[in-house]
Every structure is written in structure tokens, then in C-alpha cells.
Amino acid sequence: MKRRTAADPQYQSELVTRLINMVMERGKRSLAQRIVYGAFARIADKQKDTSPLEIFSKAVDNVRPKLEVRSRRVGGANYQVPVEVSHERQVTMALRWMLQYADAKKGRPMMESLADEILAASSGQGDSVKKREDTHKMAQANRAFAHYRW
């Protein structure tokens, strides 16, 4: 059985704790919390009518992939086999992609780029949503190999 993550102190959300844990490097939790809470503060400044937690959960829902391709070796050939993604992995991939594309924007503080990526993802735009679309397109293109699913 999987251990549950504790809810974060400010928003009482396990999802925010998972984001903090993914932002954290070398065990520096206070720095990771400062980055995430700073990004949430920027979101609150830009979107006054909705809470940053709602915007963040909507962004995660927009980025979560339903399908992905896995490499499968059959008779000496490798096939990209589309498989459904479990809910836990969907959330993990969504968080990973949002952080990856926020981190890729060099020359800006991580707080700003993370806030911008979350806002873009919540409105169905941004690099992380494009990554989900590309993943779905790849799975759709390879659905002829779905019978190799294991």
C-alpha cells in the first residue's frame, strides 16, 4: 500500500505537498515552499476572483495524460504500444511536466515561471498542455499496436 503524503501547512492540500516535494532539491524544503507559495501568491494577484488552489488543481487536470506509449519488444521489433495511465501516474506526470517547462524558462525566477506555467495550463494553453497533446497524438497514431498490450 502506498504511503499518503501529509497535507501542506498553508493550503491543507496533498497535491501542493507533492508539488513542493518535486520542487525541492537537496532536501531544502523551506526554499521549495518559498518558491511554491510565492508562485501561488503571484497567481492570487493575477486572478483575484478564484483561489490559487482551484487554479492549480484545474491546471493539473488539464495537463494529466489519459494515454501514453510504452515500448514493447515483440519478435525482434520494438513497438510503441498505447496504454492507459493510472490516476497516480497521471498526476505525477502533470506535475513533472509543469515543473520541467517552468524550469526551462531561463533568466527568470522560478516563482514567476511556475506561476505563469500554472496559469497557462489552467486556461488550456502552455508548454505542459502541448506535451499532453503530443503524448495523446503519439498514442493515437500507434493504436494499431494496441493488441500488444500486456
Protein backbone atom coordinates (compact mmCIF):
# COMPACT_ATOMS: atom_id res chain seq x y z
CA MET A 1 0.00 0.00 0.00
CA LYS A 2 1.23 3.47 -0.88
CA ARG A 3 2.01 5.96 1.86
CA ARG A 4 -0.06 9.14 1.76
CA THR A 5 1.70 12.47 1.74
CA ALA A 6 0.85 14.90 4.51
CA ALA A 7 -1.15 17.99 3.62
CA ASP A 8 0.88 21.19 3.38
CA PRO A 9 0.59 23.69 6.25
CA GLN A 10 -0.78 26.64 4.26
CA TYR A 11 -3.38 25.14 1.90
CA GLN A 12 -4.06 21.75 3.57
CA SER A 13 -3.65 20.01 0.22
CA GLU A 14 -1.74 16.82 -0.57
CA LEU A 15 -1.34 17.99 -4.17
CA VAL A 16 0.52 21.13 -3.06
CA THR A 17 2.77 18.97 -0.85
CA ARG A 18 3.60 16.79 -3.85
CA LEU A 19 4.47 19.91 -5.85
CA ILE A 20 6.72 21.17 -3.03
CA ASN A 21 8.42 17.77 -2.84
CA MET A 22 9.09 17.83 -6.59
CA VAL A 23 10.44 21.40 -6.49
CA MET A 24 12.70 20.52 -3.54
CA GLU A 25 16.35 19.89 -4.31
CA ARG A 26 18.95 18.55 -1.86
CA GLY A 27 16.43 18.49 0.99
CA LYS A 28 15.89 22.26 1.07
CA ARG A 29 12.18 22.18 1.89
CA SER A 30 11.91 25.78 3.13
CA LEU A 31 13.28 27.07 -0.19
CA ALA A 32 10.87 24.85 -2.14
CA GLN A 33 7.95 26.08 -0.02
CA ARG A 34 9.01 29.68 -0.61
CA ILE A 35 9.04 29.07 -4.39
CA VAL A 36 5.64 27.32 -4.47
CA TYR A 37 3.88 29.70 -2.08
CA GLY A 38 5.42 32.66 -3.93
CA ALA A 39 4.07 31.30 -7.20
CA PHE A 40 0.64 30.86 -5.58
CA ALA A 41 0.81 34.47 -4.33
CA ARG A 42 1.53 35.67 -7.88
CA ILE A 43 -1.44 33.63 -9.14
CA ALA A 44 -3.64 35.20 -6.44
CA ASP A 45 -2.50 38.68 -7.56
CA LYS A 46 -3.30 37.98 -11.22
CA GLN A 47 -6.58 36.09 -10.63
CA LYS A 48 -8.42 37.87 -7.83
CA ASP A 49 -11.77 36.07 -8.25
CA THR A 50 -10.57 32.44 -7.83
CA SER A 51 -8.28 30.86 -5.26
CA PRO A 52 -4.79 29.76 -6.35
CA LEU A 53 -5.56 26.20 -5.16
CA GLU A 54 -8.53 25.94 -7.56
CA ILE A 55 -6.44 27.29 -10.44
CA PHE A 56 -3.63 24.84 -9.60
CA SER A 57 -5.95 21.81 -9.44
CA LYS A 58 -7.57 22.86 -12.74
CA ALA A 59 -4.11 23.19 -14.30
CA VAL A 60 -3.17 19.67 -13.11
CA ASP A 61 -6.44 18.31 -14.55
CA ASN A 62 -5.72 19.98 -17.90
CA VAL A 63 -2.19 18.55 -18.08
CA ARG A 64 -2.91 14.97 -16.91
CA PRO A 65 -2.46 12.48 -19.78
CA LYS A 66 -5.04 9.72 -20.20
CA LEU A 67 -2.87 7.62 -22.56
CA GLU A 68 0.84 7.15 -23.11
CA VAL A 69 3.00 4.87 -25.24
CA ARG A 70 5.26 2.20 -23.81
CA SER A 71 7.96 0.45 -25.78
CA ARG A 72 7.29 -3.29 -26.22
CA ARG A 73 9.62 -5.75 -27.90
CA VAL A 74 7.83 -8.38 -29.96
CA GLY A 75 9.70 -10.75 -32.27
CA GLY A 76 12.82 -8.61 -32.64
CA ALA A 77 10.93 -5.39 -33.32
CA ASN A 78 10.11 -2.59 -30.92
CA TYR A 79 6.56 -1.26 -30.96
CA GLN A 80 5.19 1.84 -29.29
CA VAL A 81 2.13 0.38 -27.58
CA PRO A 82 -0.53 2.81 -26.26
CA VAL A 83 -1.60 2.11 -22.67
CA GLU A 84 -3.94 3.84 -20.25
CA VAL A 85 -2.27 5.75 -17.43
CA SER A 86 -3.20 5.20 -13.78
CA HIS A 87 -4.51 8.23 -11.87
CA GLU A 88 -1.44 8.41 -9.63
CA ARG A 89 0.91 8.42 -12.62
CA GLN A 90 -1.26 10.99 -14.43
CA VAL A 91 -0.83 13.46 -11.56
CA THR A 92 2.90 12.71 -11.26
CA MET A 93 3.45 13.28 -14.98
CA ALA A 94 1.40 16.50 -14.93
CA LEU A 95 3.43 17.94 -12.03
CA ARG A 96 6.71 16.83 -13.62
CA TRP A 97 5.86 18.45 -16.97
CA MET A 98 4.73 21.73 -15.39
CA LEU A 99 7.96 21.95 -13.38
CA GLN A 100 10.09 20.91 -16.35
CA TYR A 101 8.70 23.65 -18.60
CA ALA A 102 8.75 26.25 -15.82
CA ASP A 103 12.41 25.41 -15.16
CA ALA A 104 13.23 25.60 -18.88
CA LYS A 105 12.41 29.33 -18.94
CA LYS A 106 15.88 30.63 -18.12
CA GLY A 107 16.64 34.13 -16.94
CA ARG A 108 13.53 34.37 -14.75
CA PRO A 109 12.90 33.45 -11.13
CA MET A 110 11.35 30.01 -10.67
CA MET A 111 8.44 31.61 -8.78
CA GLU A 112 7.42 33.66 -11.82
CA SER A 113 7.84 30.94 -14.40
CA LEU A 114 5.99 28.37 -12.25
CA ALA A 115 3.10 30.81 -11.71
CA ASP A 116 2.95 31.55 -15.46
CA GLU A 117 3.01 27.84 -16.35
CA ILE A 118 0.21 27.05 -13.85
CA LEU A 119 -1.91 29.95 -15.16
CA ALA A 120 -1.34 28.91 -18.78
CA ALA A 121 -2.15 25.26 -18.01
CA SER A 122 -5.33 26.20 -16.16
CA SER A 123 -6.57 28.00 -19.27
CA GLY A 124 -5.64 25.05 -21.52
CA GLN A 125 -2.52 26.62 -23.01
CA GLY A 126 1.20 26.45 -22.34
CA ASP A 127 4.01 24.01 -22.97
CA SER A 128 2.84 21.35 -20.50
CA VAL A 129 -0.62 21.14 -22.13
CA LYS A 130 1.10 20.85 -25.53
CA LYS A 131 3.18 17.97 -24.13
CA ARG A 132 -0.04 16.19 -23.09
CA GLU A 133 -1.50 16.74 -26.57
CA ASP A 134 1.68 15.34 -28.17
CA THR A 135 1.53 12.30 -25.88
CA HIS A 136 -2.09 11.67 -26.85
CA LYS A 137 -1.28 12.12 -30.56
CA MET A 138 1.53 9.58 -30.26
CA ALA A 139 -0.81 7.09 -28.57
CA GLN A 140 -3.48 7.72 -31.21
CA ALA A 141 -1.00 7.23 -34.05
CA ASN A 142 0.15 3.90 -32.60
CA ARG A 143 -3.26 2.47 -31.71
CA ALA A 144 -2.74 -0.21 -34.39
CA PHE A 145 -0.32 -1.84 -31.94
CA ALA A 146 -2.78 -1.78 -29.03
CA HIS A 147 -3.20 -5.57 -29.27
CA TYR A 148 0.38 -5.94 -27.98
CA ARG A 149 -0.70 -4.51 -24.63
CA TRP A 150 0.48 -6.55 -21.66
